[in-house]
Amino acid sequence: MLTRPKKPLFVLLLGIMLGGCSSIRARDTIPAAQWKIYPGVRQDLEELREIITGQRKDPLWVETLVATMLLADLPVSTVFDTLVAPYDLYRIHRFGGKINRRRAN
């Protein structure tokens, strides 16, 4: 017999899915010149640092919700970034090669 999920767990999972994985967001927003390995993990940690140091000016309840979502997303981003690390290295190498050729001309 299946049981219904508890409402708080459902809301948390729904929020994580709607928020989007930081790995995907980072790959969409980071310019090619600034590309580094593990961009999703880096973005999660940077946003958490902003919340902890008080650089964000959001209400406390928003910061708490965002921090919770970022902490929940951190393991997912770590696994995803590890799986696509070969692509990241290829992209860094490919972009680096183009920059070196332009400088040589």
C-alpha atoms as a PDB file:
ATOM      1  CA  MET A   1       0.000   0.000   0.000  1.00  0.00           C
ATOM      2  CA  LEU A   2       1.331   3.413  -0.939  1.00  0.00           C
ATOM      3  CA  THR A   3       1.257   6.209   1.573  1.00  0.00           C
ATOM      4  CA  ARG A   4       1.064   9.878   0.810  1.00  0.00           C
ATOM      5  CA  PRO A   5       4.256  11.876   1.298  1.00  0.00           C
ATOM      6  CA  LYS A   6       4.298  14.263   4.179  1.00  0.00           C
ATOM      7  CA  LYS A   7       3.473  17.804   3.168  1.00  0.00           C
ATOM      8  CA  PRO A   8       6.708  19.504   4.393  1.00  0.00           C
ATOM      9  CA  LEU A   9       8.851  16.981   2.503  1.00  0.00           C
ATOM     10  CA  PHE A  10       6.773  17.462  -0.632  1.00  0.00           C
ATOM     11  CA  VAL A  11       7.066  21.253  -0.412  1.00  0.00           C
ATOM     12  CA  LEU A  12      10.838  21.036   0.085  1.00  0.00           C
ATOM     13  CA  LEU A  13      11.307  18.714  -2.889  1.00  0.00           C
ATOM     14  CA  LEU A  14       9.054  20.850  -5.050  1.00  0.00           C
ATOM     15  CA  GLY A  15      11.056  23.952  -4.112  1.00  0.00           C
ATOM     16  CA  ILE A  16      14.310  22.247  -5.036  1.00  0.00           C
ATOM     17  CA  MET A  17      12.940  21.154  -8.398  1.00  0.00           C
ATOM     18  CA  LEU A  18      11.507  24.586  -9.184  1.00  0.00           C
ATOM     19  CA  GLY A  19      14.662  26.372  -8.067  1.00  0.00           C
ATOM     20  CA  GLY A  20      16.755  24.466 -10.562  1.00  0.00           C
ATOM     21  CA  CYS A  21      20.060  22.783 -10.085  1.00  0.00           C
ATOM     22  CA  SER A  22      22.928  25.213  -9.581  1.00  0.00           C
ATOM     23  CA  SER A  23      25.018  23.197 -12.014  1.00  0.00           C
ATOM     24  CA  ILE A  24      22.575  23.922 -14.809  1.00  0.00           C
ATOM     25  CA  ARG A  25      22.140  27.570 -13.809  1.00  0.00           C
ATOM     26  CA  ALA A  26      25.905  28.105 -13.603  1.00  0.00           C
ATOM     27  CA  ARG A  27      26.526  26.622 -17.039  1.00  0.00           C
ATOM     28  CA  ASP A  28      23.867  28.881 -18.482  1.00  0.00           C
ATOM     29  CA  THR A  29      25.060  32.139 -16.887  1.00  0.00           C
ATOM     30  CA  ILE A  30      28.863  31.916 -16.663  1.00  0.00           C
ATOM     31  CA  PRO A  31      30.655  33.425 -19.686  1.00  0.00           C
ATOM     32  CA  ALA A  32      33.112  31.145 -21.490  1.00  0.00           C
ATOM     33  CA  ALA A  33      36.098  33.255 -20.397  1.00  0.00           C
ATOM     34  CA  GLN A  34      35.293  32.585 -16.720  1.00  0.00           C
ATOM     35  CA  TRP A  35      34.525  28.866 -17.063  1.00  0.00           C
ATOM     36  CA  LYS A  36      36.007  26.663 -14.331  1.00  0.00           C
ATOM     37  CA  ILE A  37      35.520  23.086 -13.250  1.00  0.00           C
ATOM     38  CA  TYR A  38      32.669  22.414 -10.772  1.00  0.00           C
ATOM     39  CA  PRO A  39      30.716  25.603 -11.576  1.00  0.00           C
ATOM     40  CA  GLY A  40      27.521  24.487  -9.798  1.00  0.00           C
ATOM     41  CA  VAL A  41      29.286  23.737  -6.542  1.00  0.00           C
ATOM     42  CA  ARG A  42      31.177  27.029  -6.783  1.00  0.00           C
ATOM     43  CA  GLN A  43      27.922  28.924  -7.335  1.00  0.00           C
ATOM     44  CA  ASP A  44      26.218  27.192  -4.385  1.00  0.00           C
ATOM     45  CA  LEU A  45      29.117  28.008  -2.083  1.00  0.00           C
ATOM     46  CA  GLU A  46      29.339  31.619  -3.306  1.00  0.00           C
ATOM     47  CA  GLU A  47      25.648  32.221  -2.695  1.00  0.00           C
ATOM     48  CA  LEU A  48      25.875  30.614   0.752  1.00  0.00           C
ATOM     49  CA  ARG A  49      28.863  32.843   1.554  1.00  0.00           C
ATOM     50  CA  GLU A  50      26.839  35.921   0.559  1.00  0.00           C
ATOM     51  CA  ILE A  51      24.018  34.872   2.883  1.00  0.00           C
ATOM     52  CA  ILE A  52      26.304  34.082   5.821  1.00  0.00           C
ATOM     53  CA  THR A  53      28.352  37.294   5.510  1.00  0.00           C
ATOM     54  CA  GLY A  54      25.249  39.464   5.185  1.00  0.00           C
ATOM     55  CA  GLN A  55      25.938  40.695   1.647  1.00  0.00           C
ATOM     56  CA  ARG A  56      22.413  39.882   0.562  1.00  0.00           C
ATOM     57  CA  LYS A  57      19.675  42.254   1.647  1.00  0.00           C
ATOM     58  CA  ASP A  58      16.758  39.837   1.640  1.00  0.00           C
ATOM     59  CA  PRO A  59      14.394  39.248   4.560  1.00  0.00           C
ATOM     60  CA  LEU A  60      15.572  36.599   7.000  1.00  0.00           C
ATOM     61  CA  TRP A  61      12.882  34.109   5.971  1.00  0.00           C
ATOM     62  CA  VAL A  62      13.952  34.383   2.310  1.00  0.00           C
ATOM     63  CA  GLU A  63      17.621  33.920   3.193  1.00  0.00           C
ATOM     64  CA  THR A  64      16.740  30.889   5.325  1.00  0.00           C
ATOM     65  CA  LEU A  65      14.703  29.339   2.517  1.00  0.00           C
ATOM     66  CA  VAL A  66      17.408  30.010  -0.079  1.00  0.00           C
ATOM     67  CA  ALA A  67      20.152  28.670   2.202  1.00  0.00           C
ATOM     68  CA  THR A  68      18.134  25.501   2.811  1.00  0.00           C
ATOM     69  CA  MET A  69      17.627  24.993  -0.918  1.00  0.00           C
ATOM     70  CA  LEU A  70      21.319  25.621  -1.612  1.00  0.00           C
ATOM     71  CA  LEU A  71      22.379  23.121   1.055  1.00  0.00           C
ATOM     72  CA  ALA A  72      19.968  20.538  -0.350  1.00  0.00           C
ATOM     73  CA  ASP A  73      21.250  21.196  -3.881  1.00  0.00           C
ATOM     74  CA  LEU A  74      24.949  20.989  -2.962  1.00  0.00           C
ATOM     75  CA  PRO A  75      25.207  17.155  -3.058  1.00  0.00           C
ATOM     76  CA  VAL A  76      23.208  17.010  -6.302  1.00  0.00           C
ATOM     77  CA  SER A  77      25.429  19.647  -7.908  1.00  0.00           C
ATOM     78  CA  THR A  78      28.542  17.836  -6.704  1.00  0.00           C
ATOM     79  CA  VAL A  79      27.452  14.568  -8.333  1.00  0.00           C
ATOM     80  CA  PHE A  80      26.339  16.280 -11.543  1.00  0.00           C
ATOM     81  CA  ASP A  81      29.529  18.378 -11.806  1.00  0.00           C
ATOM     82  CA  THR A  82      31.629  15.247 -11.255  1.00  0.00           C
ATOM     83  CA  LEU A  83      29.807  13.406 -14.031  1.00  0.00           C
ATOM     84  CA  VAL A  84      30.279  16.254 -16.522  1.00  0.00           C
ATOM     85  CA  ALA A  85      33.848  17.122 -15.460  1.00  0.00           C
ATOM     86  CA  PRO A  86      35.311  15.683 -18.698  1.00  0.00           C
ATOM     87  CA  TYR A  87      33.109  18.053 -20.702  1.00  0.00           C
ATOM     88  CA  ASP A  88      34.114  20.963 -18.470  1.00  0.00           C
ATOM     89  CA  LEU A  89      37.799  20.174 -18.995  1.00  0.00           C
ATOM     90  CA  TYR A  90      37.236  19.903 -22.748  1.00  0.00           C
ATOM     91  CA  ARG A  91      35.444  23.240 -22.819  1.00  0.00           C
ATOM     92  CA  ILE A  92      38.153  24.944 -20.743  1.00  0.00           C
ATOM     93  CA  HIS A  93      40.875  23.481 -22.971  1.00  0.00           C
ATOM     94  CA  ARG A  94      39.016  24.400 -26.172  1.00  0.00           C
ATOM     95  CA  PHE A  95      38.365  27.981 -25.087  1.00  0.00           C
ATOM     96  CA  GLY A  96      41.941  28.349 -23.798  1.00  0.00           C
ATOM     97  CA  GLY A  97      43.295  27.222 -27.160  1.00  0.00           C
ATOM     98  CA  LYS A  98      41.280  29.898 -28.964  1.00  0.00           C
ATOM     99  CA  ILE A  99      42.567  32.605 -26.660  1.00  0.00           C
ATOM    100  CA  ASN A 100      46.185  31.503 -27.180  1.00  0.00           C
ATOM    101  CA  ARG A 101      45.803  31.565 -30.985  1.00  0.00           C
ATOM    102  CA  ARG A 102      44.354  35.085 -30.915  1.00  0.00           C
ATOM    103  CA  ARG A 103      47.224  36.348 -28.773  1.00  0.00           C
ATOM    104  CA  ALA A 104      49.778  34.767 -31.101  1.00  0.00           C
ATOM    105  CA  ASN A 105      48.459  36.671 -34.156  1.00  0.00           C
END
